[in-house]
Amino acid sequence: MINTTSIKDKDLFQKTMQKGKWFGGSFLCIYVLNNNNSDNQIGLAIGKKVGKAYKRNRLKRLIRQSYTDLEKDMNYGHSIVFVWKSSAKFYEADYNSIYKDVYKLFKKSGILK
């Protein structure tokens, strides 16, 4: 992730979720808020209902990899929060399905060039 930083600040995370635009997919929801930076900022939210830590960490790795693969085609200057849907099943999620979901969400939101 070349031009991307993580959202570590709780206030920015909450601001993105409250004031950002919401887009829903089959596995993920994203909240997108325009910021005035030249970089993108991303945050990941996966609840404990998904499963144990190794499942949540695997999903985070898959989401980050999908983001990294799409990063070269993106417009910059956004804060993005990924939220895993609690109704989505962990065992149905593989890299290809998450990549397609992230791609569709980015297309809907206008982040991709």
PDB file of N, CA and C in Angstrom:
ATOM      1  N   MET A   1       0.855  -1.168   0.000  1.00  0.00           N
ATOM      2  CA  MET A   1       0.000   0.000   0.000  1.00  0.00           C
ATOM      3  C   MET A   1       0.900   1.230   0.000  1.00  0.00           C
ATOM      4  N   ILE A   2       1.066   1.778  -1.171  1.00  0.00           N
ATOM      5  CA  ILE A   2       2.043   2.838  -1.367  1.00  0.00           C
ATOM      6  C   ILE A   2       1.538   4.172  -0.812  1.00  0.00           C
ATOM      7  N   ASN A   3       0.412   4.634  -1.271  1.00  0.00           N
ATOM      8  CA  ASN A   3      -0.116   5.940  -0.868  1.00  0.00           C
ATOM      9  C   ASN A   3      -1.258   5.786   0.117  1.00  0.00           C
ATOM     10  N   THR A   4      -1.110   4.897   1.067  1.00  0.00           N
ATOM     11  CA  THR A   4      -2.189   4.605   1.991  1.00  0.00           C
ATOM     12  C   THR A   4      -1.658   4.535   3.416  1.00  0.00           C
ATOM     13  N   THR A   5      -2.430   5.080   4.329  1.00  0.00           N
ATOM     14  CA  THR A   5      -2.124   4.961   5.749  1.00  0.00           C
ATOM     15  C   THR A   5      -3.311   4.322   6.454  1.00  0.00           C
ATOM     16  N   SER A   6      -3.059   3.782   7.623  1.00  0.00           N
ATOM     17  CA  SER A   6      -4.128   3.174   8.413  1.00  0.00           C
ATOM     18  C   SER A   6      -4.816   4.220   9.264  1.00  0.00           C
ATOM     19  N   ILE A   7      -6.091   4.019   9.496  1.00  0.00           N
ATOM     20  CA  ILE A   7      -6.821   4.885  10.410  1.00  0.00           C
ATOM     21  C   ILE A   7      -6.645   4.300  11.805  1.00  0.00           C
ATOM     22  N   LYS A   8      -5.886   4.981  12.618  1.00  0.00           N
ATOM     23  CA  LYS A   8      -5.641   4.521  13.978  1.00  0.00           C
ATOM     24  C   LYS A   8      -6.399   5.378  15.000  1.00  0.00           C
ATOM     25  N   ASP A   9      -6.757   6.586  14.584  1.00  0.00           N
ATOM     26  CA  ASP A   9      -7.430   7.525  15.471  1.00  0.00           C
ATOM     27  C   ASP A   9      -8.914   7.188  15.558  1.00  0.00           C
ATOM     28  N   LYS A  10      -9.402   6.989  16.746  1.00  0.00           N
ATOM     29  CA  LYS A  10     -10.805   6.623  16.967  1.00  0.00           C
ATOM     30  C   LYS A  10     -11.749   7.695  16.433  1.00  0.00           C
ATOM     31  N   ASP A  11     -11.384   8.953  16.588  1.00  0.00           N
ATOM     32  CA  ASP A  11     -12.253  10.048  16.142  1.00  0.00           C
ATOM     33  C   ASP A  11     -12.400  10.065  14.619  1.00  0.00           C
ATOM     34  N   LEU A  12     -11.311   9.849  13.896  1.00  0.00           N
ATOM     35  CA  LEU A  12     -11.381   9.817  12.435  1.00  0.00           C
ATOM     36  C   LEU A  12     -12.179   8.601  11.960  1.00  0.00           C
ATOM     37  N   PHE A  13     -12.016   7.488  12.646  1.00  0.00           N
ATOM     38  CA  PHE A  13     -12.769   6.276  12.324  1.00  0.00           C
ATOM     39  C   PHE A  13     -14.268   6.533  12.480  1.00  0.00           C
ATOM     40  N   GLN A  14     -14.668   7.132  13.604  1.00  0.00           N
ATOM     41  CA  GLN A  14     -16.070   7.444  13.861  1.00  0.00           C
ATOM     42  C   GLN A  14     -16.598   8.499  12.889  1.00  0.00           C
ATOM     43  N   LYS A  15     -15.785   9.500  12.587  1.00  0.00           N
ATOM     44  CA  LYS A  15     -16.198  10.551  11.657  1.00  0.00           C
ATOM     45  C   LYS A  15     -16.456   9.968  10.277  1.00  0.00           C
ATOM     46  N   THR A  16     -15.600   9.061   9.840  1.00  0.00           N
ATOM     47  CA  THR A  16     -15.788   8.433   8.536  1.00  0.00           C
ATOM     48  C   THR A  16     -17.068   7.609   8.508  1.00  0.00           C
ATOM     49  N   MET A  17     -17.365   6.918   9.581  1.00  0.00           N
ATOM     50  CA  MET A  17     -18.564   6.087   9.617  1.00  0.00           C
ATOM     51  C   MET A  17     -19.832   6.925   9.760  1.00  0.00           C
ATOM     52  N   GLN A  18     -19.762   8.058  10.414  1.00  0.00           N
ATOM     53  CA  GLN A  18     -20.953   8.861  10.627  1.00  0.00           C
ATOM     54  C   GLN A  18     -21.241   9.808   9.459  1.00  0.00           C
ATOM     55  N   LYS A  19     -20.204  10.418   8.898  1.00  0.00           N
ATOM     56  CA  LYS A  19     -20.411  11.419   7.857  1.00  0.00           C
ATOM     57  C   LYS A  19     -20.137  10.905   6.449  1.00  0.00           C
ATOM     58  N   GLY A  20     -19.552   9.722   6.347  1.00  0.00           N
ATOM     59  CA  GLY A  20     -19.212   9.188   5.035  1.00  0.00           C
ATOM     60  C   GLY A  20     -20.406   8.558   4.342  1.00  0.00           C
ATOM     61  N   LYS A  21     -20.267   8.351   3.031  1.00  0.00           N
ATOM     62  CA  LYS A  21     -21.312   7.685   2.262  1.00  0.00           C
ATOM     63  C   LYS A  21     -21.163   6.181   2.430  1.00  0.00           C
ATOM     64  N   TRP A  22     -22.302   5.492   2.522  1.00  0.00           N
ATOM     65  CA  TRP A  22     -22.336   4.056   2.749  1.00  0.00           C
ATOM     66  C   TRP A  22     -22.622   3.329   1.446  1.00  0.00           C
ATOM     67  N   PHE A  23     -21.876   2.250   1.215  1.00  0.00           N
ATOM     68  CA  PHE A  23     -22.098   1.393   0.066  1.00  0.00           C
ATOM     69  C   PHE A  23     -22.030  -0.050   0.547  1.00  0.00           C
ATOM     70  N   GLY A  24     -23.020  -0.859   0.156  1.00  0.00           N
ATOM     71  CA  GLY A  24     -23.089  -2.231   0.640  1.00  0.00           C
ATOM     72  C   GLY A  24     -22.875  -3.242  -0.449  1.00  0.00           C
ATOM     73  N   GLY A  25     -22.191  -4.319  -0.093  1.00  0.00           N
ATOM     74  CA  GLY A  25     -21.955  -5.425  -1.002  1.00  0.00           C
ATOM     75  C   GLY A  25     -22.419  -6.715  -0.358  1.00  0.00           C
ATOM     76  N   SER A  26     -22.004  -7.838  -0.908  1.00  0.00           N
ATOM     77  CA  SER A  26     -22.451  -9.116  -0.372  1.00  0.00           C
ATOM     78  C   SER A  26     -21.681  -9.523   0.883  1.00  0.00           C
ATOM     79  N   PHE A  27     -20.400  -9.175   0.984  1.00  0.00           N
ATOM     80  CA  PHE A  27     -19.611  -9.503   2.162  1.00  0.00           C
ATOM     81  C   PHE A  27     -19.285  -8.277   3.010  1.00  0.00           C
ATOM     82  N   LEU A  28     -19.089  -7.147   2.344  1.00  0.00           N
ATOM     83  CA  LEU A  28     -18.588  -5.945   3.015  1.00  0.00           C
ATOM     84  C   LEU A  28     -19.511  -4.755   2.820  1.00  0.00           C
ATOM     85  N   CYS A  29     -19.386  -3.822   3.732  1.00  0.00           N
ATOM     86  CA  CYS A  29     -19.934  -2.480   3.571  1.00  0.00           C
ATOM     87  C   CYS A  29     -18.744  -1.537   3.664  1.00  0.00           C
ATOM     88  N   ILE A  30     -18.787  -0.461   2.910  1.00  0.00           N
ATOM     89  CA  ILE A  30     -17.733   0.537   3.052  1.00  0.00           C
ATOM     90  C   ILE A  30     -18.357   1.895   3.316  1.00  0.00           C
ATOM     91  N   TYR A  31     -17.639   2.682   4.055  1.00  0.00           N
ATOM     92  CA  TYR A  31     -17.971   4.080   4.299  1.00  0.00           C
ATOM     93  C   TYR A  31     -16.845   4.899   3.681  1.00  0.00           C
ATOM     94  N   VAL A  32     -17.195   5.859   2.835  1.00  0.00           N
ATOM     95  CA  VAL A  32     -16.197   6.656   2.118  1.00  0.00           C
ATOM     96  C   VAL A  32     -16.413   8.124   2.453  1.00  0.00           C
ATOM     97  N   LEU A  33     -15.344   8.772   2.865  1.00  0.00           N
ATOM     98  CA  LEU A  33     -15.378  10.193   3.183  1.00  0.00           C
ATOM     99  C   LEU A  33     -14.203  10.856   2.484  1.00  0.00           C
ATOM    100  N   ASN A  34     -14.465  11.944   1.774  1.00  0.00           N
ATOM    101  CA  ASN A  34     -13.376  12.674   1.125  1.00  0.00           C
ATOM    102  C   ASN A  34     -12.577  13.415   2.175  1.00  0.00           C
ATOM    103  N   ASN A  35     -11.254  13.281   2.107  1.00  0.00           N
ATOM    104  CA  ASN A  35     -10.385  14.075   2.961  1.00  0.00           C
ATOM    105  C   ASN A  35      -9.520  14.933   2.059  1.00  0.00           C
ATOM    106  N   ASN A  36      -8.819  15.854   2.601  1.00  0.00           N
ATOM    107  CA  ASN A  36      -8.035  16.782   1.792  1.00  0.00           C
ATOM    108  C   ASN A  36      -6.568  16.386   1.734  1.00  0.00           C
ATOM    109  N   ASN A  37      -6.301  15.104   1.918  1.00  0.00           N
ATOM    110  CA  ASN A  37      -4.928  14.612   1.856  1.00  0.00           C
ATOM    111  C   ASN A  37      -4.646  14.079   0.461  1.00  0.00           C
ATOM    112  N   SER A  38      -3.385  13.884   0.170  1.00  0.00           N
ATOM    113  CA  SER A  38      -3.014  13.268  -1.103  1.00  0.00           C
ATOM    114  C   SER A  38      -2.991  11.746  -0.982  1.00  0.00           C
ATOM    115  N   ASP A  39      -3.167  11.232   0.228  1.00  0.00           N
ATOM    116  CA  ASP A  39      -3.154   9.794   0.462  1.00  0.00           C
ATOM    117  C   ASP A  39      -4.542   9.297   0.837  1.00  0.00           C
ATOM    118  N   ASN A  40      -4.753   8.016   0.653  1.00  0.00           N
ATOM    119  CA  ASN A  40      -5.957   7.370   1.160  1.00  0.00           C
ATOM    120  C   ASN A  40      -5.700   6.880   2.571  1.00  0.00           C
ATOM    121  N   GLN A  41      -6.755   6.762   3.332  1.00  0.00           N
ATOM    122  CA  GLN A  41      -6.678   6.212   4.674  1.00  0.00           C
ATOM    123  C   GLN A  41      -7.700   5.092   4.753  1.00  0.00           C
ATOM    124  N   ILE A  42      -7.298   3.924   5.286  1.00  0.00           N
ATOM    125  CA  ILE A  42      -8.246   2.824   5.390  1.00  0.00           C
ATOM    126  C   ILE A  42      -8.306   2.319   6.820  1.00  0.00           C
ATOM    127  N   GLY A  43      -9.487   1.834   7.181  1.00  0.00           N
ATOM    128  CA  GLY A  43      -9.714   1.201   8.459  1.00  0.00           C
ATOM    129  C   GLY A  43     -10.526  -0.063   8.247  1.00  0.00           C
ATOM    130  N   LEU A  44     -10.324  -1.046   9.101  1.00  0.00           N
ATOM    131  CA  LEU A  44     -11.020  -2.325   8.993  1.00  0.00           C
ATOM    132  C   LEU A  44     -11.773  -2.586  10.287  1.00  0.00           C
ATOM    133  N   ALA A  45     -13.028  -2.999  10.161  1.00  0.00           N
ATOM    134  CA  ALA A  45     -13.840  -3.330  11.330  1.00  0.00           C
ATOM    135  C   ALA A  45     -14.479  -4.698  11.101  1.00  0.00           C
ATOM    136  N   ILE A  46     -14.042  -5.667  11.885  1.00  0.00           N
ATOM    137  CA  ILE A  46     -14.596  -7.012  11.810  1.00  0.00           C
ATOM    138  C   ILE A  46     -14.947  -7.412  13.226  1.00  0.00           C
ATOM    139  N   GLY A  47     -16.223  -7.656  13.483  1.00  0.00           N
ATOM    140  CA  GLY A  47     -16.696  -7.933  14.826  1.00  0.00           C
ATOM    141  C   GLY A  47     -16.355  -9.329  15.325  1.00  0.00           C
ATOM    142  N   LYS A  48     -16.497  -9.513  16.620  1.00  0.00           N
ATOM    143  CA  LYS A  48     -16.174 -10.792  17.234  1.00  0.00           C
ATOM    144  C   LYS A  48     -17.159 -11.897  16.888  1.00  0.00           C
ATOM    145  N   LYS A  49     -18.318 -11.532  16.348  1.00  0.00           N
ATOM    146  CA  LYS A  49     -19.286 -12.546  15.960  1.00  0.00           C
ATOM    147  C   LYS A  49     -18.798 -13.385  14.782  1.00  0.00           C
ATOM    148  N   VAL A  50     -17.820 -12.885  14.041  1.00  0.00           N
ATOM    149  CA  VAL A  50     -17.285 -13.617  12.900  1.00  0.00           C
ATOM    150  C   VAL A  50     -16.609 -14.899  13.363  1.00  0.00           C
ATOM    151  N   GLY A  51     -15.896 -14.826  14.451  1.00  0.00           N
ATOM    152  CA  GLY A  51     -15.209 -16.009  14.949  1.00  0.00           C
ATOM    153  C   GLY A  51     -13.994 -15.624  15.756  1.00  0.00           C
ATOM    154  N   LYS A  52     -13.120 -16.582  15.896  1.00  0.00           N
ATOM    155  CA  LYS A  52     -11.907 -16.363  16.678  1.00  0.00           C
ATOM    156  C   LYS A  52     -10.946 -15.458  15.914  1.00  0.00           C
ATOM    157  N   ALA A  53      -9.867 -15.094  16.586  1.00  0.00           N
ATOM    158  CA  ALA A  53      -8.940 -14.097  16.055  1.00  0.00           C
ATOM    159  C   ALA A  53      -8.317 -14.525  14.739  1.00  0.00           C
ATOM    160  N   TYR A  54      -8.016 -15.811  14.569  1.00  0.00           N
ATOM    161  CA  TYR A  54      -7.371 -16.225  13.328  1.00  0.00           C
ATOM    162  C   TYR A  54      -8.299 -16.042  12.127  1.00  0.00           C
ATOM    163  N   LYS A  55      -9.608 -16.164  12.319  1.00  0.00           N
ATOM    164  CA  LYS A  55     -10.552 -15.927  11.234  1.00  0.00           C
ATOM    165  C   LYS A  55     -10.616 -14.445  10.903  1.00  0.00           C
ATOM    166  N   ARG A  56     -10.703 -13.615  11.936  1.00  0.00           N
ATOM    167  CA  ARG A  56     -10.773 -12.175  11.701  1.00  0.00           C
ATOM    168  C   ARG A  56      -9.504 -11.664  11.033  1.00  0.00           C
ATOM    169  N   ASN A  57      -8.351 -12.159  11.473  1.00  0.00           N
ATOM    170  CA  ASN A  57      -7.088 -11.724  10.881  1.00  0.00           C
ATOM    171  C   ASN A  57      -6.965 -12.179   9.429  1.00  0.00           C
ATOM    172  N   ARG A  58      -7.463 -13.376   9.128  1.00  0.00           N
ATOM    173  CA  ARG A  58      -7.430 -13.848   7.736  1.00  0.00           C
ATOM    174  C   ARG A  58      -8.275 -12.941   6.846  1.00  0.00           C
ATOM    175  N   LEU A  59      -9.461 -12.578   7.329  1.00  0.00           N
ATOM    176  CA  LEU A  59     -10.320 -11.680   6.547  1.00  0.00           C
ATOM    177  C   LEU A  59      -9.658 -10.326   6.342  1.00  0.00           C
ATOM    178  N   LYS A  60      -8.995  -9.817   7.363  1.00  0.00           N
ATOM    179  CA  LYS A  60      -8.297  -8.540   7.226  1.00  0.00           C
ATOM    180  C   LYS A  60      -7.187  -8.624   6.186  1.00  0.00           C
ATOM    181  N   ARG A  61      -6.445  -9.732   6.197  1.00  0.00           N
ATOM    182  CA  ARG A  61      -5.385  -9.898   5.194  1.00  0.00           C
ATOM    183  C   ARG A  61      -5.957  -9.953   3.782  1.00  0.00           C
ATOM    184  N   LEU A  62      -7.071 -10.658   3.612  1.00  0.00           N
ATOM    185  CA  LEU A  62      -7.685 -10.753   2.290  1.00  0.00           C
ATOM    186  C   LEU A  62      -8.202  -9.393   1.812  1.00  0.00           C
ATOM    187  N   ILE A  63      -8.797  -8.626   2.705  1.00  0.00           N
ATOM    188  CA  ILE A  63      -9.306  -7.297   2.342  1.00  0.00           C
ATOM    189  C   ILE A  63      -8.144  -6.369   1.991  1.00  0.00           C
ATOM    190  N   ARG A  64      -7.083  -6.388   2.799  1.00  0.00           N
ATOM    191  CA  ARG A  64      -5.927  -5.538   2.504  1.00  0.00           C
ATOM    192  C   ARG A  64      -5.286  -5.902   1.169  1.00  0.00           C
ATOM    193  N   GLN A  65      -5.192  -7.209   0.867  1.00  0.00           N
ATOM    194  CA  GLN A  65      -4.602  -7.621  -0.399  1.00  0.00           C
ATOM    195  C   GLN A  65      -5.467  -7.180  -1.576  1.00  0.00           C
ATOM    196  N   SER A  66      -6.778  -7.282  -1.434  1.00  0.00           N
ATOM    197  CA  SER A  66      -7.677  -6.818  -2.490  1.00  0.00           C
ATOM    198  C   SER A  66      -7.511  -5.320  -2.708  1.00  0.00           C
ATOM    199  N   TYR A  67      -7.423  -4.582  -1.626  1.00  0.00           N
ATOM    200  CA  TYR A  67      -7.215  -3.141  -1.714  1.00  0.00           C
ATOM    201  C   TYR A  67      -5.898  -2.831  -2.416  1.00  0.00           C
ATOM    202  N   THR A  68      -4.841  -3.545  -2.058  1.00  0.00           N
ATOM    203  CA  THR A  68      -3.529  -3.313  -2.643  1.00  0.00           C
ATOM    204  C   THR A  68      -3.541  -3.589  -4.144  1.00  0.00           C
ATOM    205  N   ASP A  69      -4.243  -4.626  -4.550  1.00  0.00           N
ATOM    206  CA  ASP A  69      -4.310  -4.958  -5.972  1.00  0.00           C
ATOM    207  C   ASP A  69      -5.094  -3.912  -6.769  1.00  0.00           C
ATOM    208  N   LEU A  70      -6.042  -3.257  -6.146  1.00  0.00           N
ATOM    209  CA  LEU A  70      -6.840  -2.223  -6.823  1.00  0.00           C
ATOM    210  C   LEU A  70      -6.263  -0.821  -6.673  1.00  0.00           C
ATOM    211  N   GLU A  71      -5.254  -0.669  -5.858  1.00  0.00           N
ATOM    212  CA  GLU A  71      -4.758   0.661  -5.512  1.00  0.00           C
ATOM    213  C   GLU A  71      -4.219   1.437  -6.709  1.00  0.00           C
ATOM    214  N   LYS A  72      -3.646   0.755  -7.676  1.00  0.00           N
ATOM    215  CA  LYS A  72      -3.056   1.461  -8.821  1.00  0.00           C
ATOM    216  C   LYS A  72      -4.116   2.137  -9.688  1.00  0.00           C
ATOM    217  N   ASP A  73      -5.371   1.695  -9.591  1.00  0.00           N
ATOM    218  CA  ASP A  73      -6.457   2.249 -10.407  1.00  0.00           C
ATOM    219  C   ASP A  73      -7.342   3.224  -9.636  1.00  0.00           C
ATOM    220  N   MET A  74      -6.909   3.662  -8.464  1.00  0.00           N
ATOM    221  CA  MET A  74      -7.762   4.471  -7.591  1.00  0.00           C
ATOM    222  C   MET A  74      -7.449   5.951  -7.660  1.00  0.00           C
ATOM    223  N   ASN A  75      -8.477   6.740  -7.347  1.00  0.00           N
ATOM    224  CA  ASN A  75      -8.293   8.162  -7.075  1.00  0.00           C
ATOM    225  C   ASN A  75      -7.924   8.287  -5.599  1.00  0.00           C
ATOM    226  N   TYR A  76      -7.104   9.260  -5.275  1.00  0.00           N
ATOM    227  CA  TYR A  76      -6.655   9.419  -3.897  1.00  0.00           C
ATOM    228  C   TYR A  76      -7.389  10.553  -3.205  1.00  0.00           C
ATOM    229  N   GLY A  77      -7.289  10.570  -1.894  1.00  0.00           N
ATOM    230  CA  GLY A  77      -7.919  11.613  -1.101  1.00  0.00           C
ATOM    231  C   GLY A  77      -9.192  11.146  -0.419  1.00  0.00           C
ATOM    232  N   HIS A  78      -9.250   9.864  -0.038  1.00  0.00           N
ATOM    233  CA  HIS A  78     -10.439   9.316   0.607  1.00  0.00           C
ATOM    234  C   HIS A  78     -10.072   8.628   1.918  1.00  0.00           C
ATOM    235  N   SER A  79     -10.990   8.690   2.862  1.00  0.00           N
ATOM    236  CA  SER A  79     -10.933   7.852   4.050  1.00  0.00           C
ATOM    237  C   SER A  79     -11.948   6.740   3.832  1.00  0.00           C
ATOM    238  N   ILE A  80     -11.513   5.495   3.960  1.00  0.00           N
ATOM    239  CA  ILE A  80     -12.363   4.348   3.671  1.00  0.00           C
ATOM    240  C   ILE A  80     -12.360   3.423   4.878  1.00  0.00           C
ATOM    241  N   VAL A  81     -13.553   3.057   5.336  1.00  0.00           N
ATOM    242  CA  VAL A  81     -13.686   2.088   6.413  1.00  0.00           C
ATOM    243  C   VAL A  81     -14.419   0.878   5.857  1.00  0.00           C
ATOM    244  N   PHE A  82     -13.786  -0.285   5.966  1.00  0.00           N
ATOM    245  CA  PHE A  82     -14.389  -1.552   5.553  1.00  0.00           C
ATOM    246  C   PHE A  82     -15.041  -2.189   6.769  1.00  0.00           C
ATOM    247  N   VAL A  83     -16.291  -2.602   6.633  1.00  0.00           N
ATOM    248  CA  VAL A  83     -17.006  -3.271   7.729  1.00  0.00           C
ATOM    249  C   VAL A  83     -17.499  -4.610   7.204  1.00  0.00           C
ATOM    250  N   TRP A  84     -17.134  -5.686   7.883  1.00  0.00           N
ATOM    251  CA  TRP A  84     -17.573  -7.019   7.505  1.00  0.00           C
ATOM    252  C   TRP A  84     -19.014  -7.209   7.954  1.00  0.00           C
ATOM    253  N   LYS A  85     -19.878  -7.677   7.047  1.00  0.00           N
ATOM    254  CA  LYS A  85     -21.275  -7.915   7.400  1.00  0.00           C
ATOM    255  C   LYS A  85     -21.372  -9.129   8.310  1.00  0.00           C
ATOM    256  N   SER A  86     -22.133  -9.011   9.362  1.00  0.00           N
ATOM    257  CA  SER A  86     -22.256 -10.122  10.300  1.00  0.00           C
ATOM    258  C   SER A  86     -23.045 -11.278   9.694  1.00  0.00           C
ATOM    259  N   SER A  87     -23.844 -11.001   8.669  1.00  0.00           N
ATOM    260  CA  SER A  87     -24.620 -12.064   8.033  1.00  0.00           C
ATOM    261  C   SER A  87     -23.791 -12.854   7.019  1.00  0.00           C
ATOM    262  N   ALA A  88     -22.625 -12.346   6.628  1.00  0.00           N
ATOM    263  CA  ALA A  88     -21.771 -13.039   5.657  1.00  0.00           C
ATOM    264  C   ALA A  88     -21.059 -14.196   6.340  1.00  0.00           C
ATOM    265  N   LYS A  89     -20.955 -15.292   5.654  1.00  0.00           N
ATOM    266  CA  LYS A  89     -20.328 -16.493   6.205  1.00  0.00           C
ATOM    267  C   LYS A  89     -18.832 -16.497   5.920  1.00  0.00           C
ATOM    268  N   PHE A  90     -18.061 -16.830   6.945  1.00  0.00           N
ATOM    269  CA  PHE A  90     -16.606 -16.856   6.816  1.00  0.00           C
ATOM    270  C   PHE A  90     -16.165 -17.912   5.810  1.00  0.00           C
ATOM    271  N   TYR A  91     -16.783 -19.072   5.838  1.00  0.00           N
ATOM    272  CA  TYR A  91     -16.343 -20.175   4.983  1.00  0.00           C
ATOM    273  C   TYR A  91     -16.659 -19.931   3.504  1.00  0.00           C
ATOM    274  N   GLU A  92     -17.535 -18.985   3.177  1.00  0.00           N
ATOM    275  CA  GLU A  92     -17.830 -18.648   1.786  1.00  0.00           C
ATOM    276  C   GLU A  92     -16.851 -17.622   1.229  1.00  0.00           C
ATOM    277  N   ALA A  93     -16.066 -17.028   2.093  1.00  0.00           N
ATOM    278  CA  ALA A  93     -15.181 -15.937   1.684  1.00  0.00           C
ATOM    279  C   ALA A  93     -13.822 -16.491   1.285  1.00  0.00           C
ATOM    280  N   ASP A  94     -13.448 -16.279   0.037  1.00  0.00           N
ATOM    281  CA  ASP A  94     -12.097 -16.543  -0.415  1.00  0.00           C
ATOM    282  C   ASP A  94     -11.603 -15.267  -1.097  1.00  0.00           C
ATOM    283  N   TYR A  95     -10.369 -15.307  -1.579  1.00  0.00           N
ATOM    284  CA  TYR A  95      -9.789 -14.090  -2.136  1.00  0.00           C
ATOM    285  C   TYR A  95     -10.600 -13.560  -3.318  1.00  0.00           C
ATOM    286  N   ASN A  96     -10.996 -14.440  -4.227  1.00  0.00           N
ATOM    287  CA  ASN A  96     -11.700 -13.998  -5.430  1.00  0.00           C
ATOM    288  C   ASN A  96     -13.028 -13.336  -5.111  1.00  0.00           C
ATOM    289  N   SER A  97     -13.791 -13.898  -4.190  1.00  0.00           N
ATOM    290  CA  SER A  97     -15.088 -13.309  -3.860  1.00  0.00           C
ATOM    291  C   SER A  97     -14.933 -11.964  -3.147  1.00  0.00           C
ATOM    292  N   ILE A  98     -13.942 -11.855  -2.277  1.00  0.00           N
ATOM    293  CA  ILE A  98     -13.709 -10.579  -1.593  1.00  0.00           C
ATOM    294  C   ILE A  98     -13.190  -9.534  -2.579  1.00  0.00           C
ATOM    295  N   TYR A  99     -12.310  -9.940  -3.481  1.00  0.00           N
ATOM    296  CA  TYR A  99     -11.793  -9.018  -4.495  1.00  0.00           C
ATOM    297  C   TYR A  99     -12.930  -8.474  -5.355  1.00  0.00           C
ATOM    298  N   LYS A 100     -13.827  -9.346  -5.800  1.00  0.00           N
ATOM    299  CA  LYS A 100     -14.960  -8.914  -6.623  1.00  0.00           C
ATOM    300  C   LYS A 100     -15.867  -7.967  -5.849  1.00  0.00           C
ATOM    301  N   ASP A 101     -16.081  -8.257  -4.578  1.00  0.00           N
ATOM    302  CA  ASP A 101     -16.929  -7.409  -3.745  1.00  0.00           C
ATOM    303  C   ASP A 101     -16.300  -6.024  -3.564  1.00  0.00           C
ATOM    304  N   VAL A 102     -15.008  -5.981  -3.268  1.00  0.00           N
ATOM    305  CA  VAL A 102     -14.319  -4.704  -3.100  1.00  0.00           C
ATOM    306  C   VAL A 102     -14.321  -3.925  -4.415  1.00  0.00           C
ATOM    307  N   TYR A 103     -14.104  -4.609  -5.525  1.00  0.00           N
ATOM    308  CA  TYR A 103     -14.114  -3.952  -6.835  1.00  0.00           C
ATOM    309  C   TYR A 103     -15.478  -3.324  -7.119  1.00  0.00           C
ATOM    310  N   LYS A 104     -16.554  -4.064  -6.869  1.00  0.00           N
ATOM    311  CA  LYS A 104     -17.904  -3.544  -7.105  1.00  0.00           C
ATOM    312  C   LYS A 104     -18.194  -2.344  -6.211  1.00  0.00           C
ATOM    313  N   LEU A 105     -17.776  -2.423  -4.953  1.00  0.00           N
ATOM    314  CA  LEU A 105     -18.011  -1.315  -4.031  1.00  0.00           C
ATOM    315  C   LEU A 105     -17.234  -0.067  -4.448  1.00  0.00           C
ATOM    316  N   PHE A 106     -16.000  -0.249  -4.898  1.00  0.00           N
ATOM    317  CA  PHE A 106     -15.211   0.887  -5.344  1.00  0.00           C
ATOM    318  C   PHE A 106     -15.802   1.500  -6.615  1.00  0.00           C
ATOM    319  N   LYS A 107     -16.335   0.671  -7.505  1.00  0.00           N
ATOM    320  CA  LYS A 107     -16.985   1.178  -8.709  1.00  0.00           C
ATOM    321  C   LYS A 107     -18.222   1.992  -8.351  1.00  0.00           C
ATOM    322  N   LYS A 108     -19.042   1.457  -7.412  1.00  0.00           N
ATOM    323  CA  LYS A 108     -20.251   2.173  -6.988  1.00  0.00           C
ATOM    324  C   LYS A 108     -19.905   3.532  -6.382  1.00  0.00           C
ATOM    325  N   SER A 109     -18.852   3.554  -5.584  1.00  0.00           N
ATOM    326  CA  SER A 109     -18.527   4.768  -4.849  1.00  0.00           C
ATOM    327  C   SER A 109     -17.758   5.783  -5.693  1.00  0.00           C
ATOM    328  N   GLY A 110     -17.250   5.384  -6.846  1.00  0.00           N
ATOM    329  CA  GLY A 110     -16.518   6.302  -7.705  1.00  0.00           C
ATOM    330  C   GLY A 110     -15.066   6.479  -7.321  1.00  0.00           C
ATOM    331  N   ILE A 111     -14.529   5.560  -6.536  1.00  0.00           N
ATOM    332  CA  ILE A 111     -13.129   5.667  -6.130  1.00  0.00           C
ATOM    333  C   ILE A 111     -12.193   5.257  -7.265  1.00  0.00           C
ATOM    334  N   LEU A 112     -12.621   4.286  -8.083  1.00  0.00           N
ATOM    335  CA  LEU A 112     -11.773   3.835  -9.175  1.00  0.00           C
ATOM    336  C   LEU A 112     -11.803   4.853 -10.313  1.00  0.00           C
ATOM    337  N   LYS A 113     -10.691   4.946 -11.020  1.00  0.00           N
ATOM    338  CA  LYS A 113     -10.578   5.881 -12.136  1.00  0.00           C
ATOM    339  C   LYS A 113     -11.425   5.416 -13.307  1.00  0.00           C
TER     340      LYS A 113
END
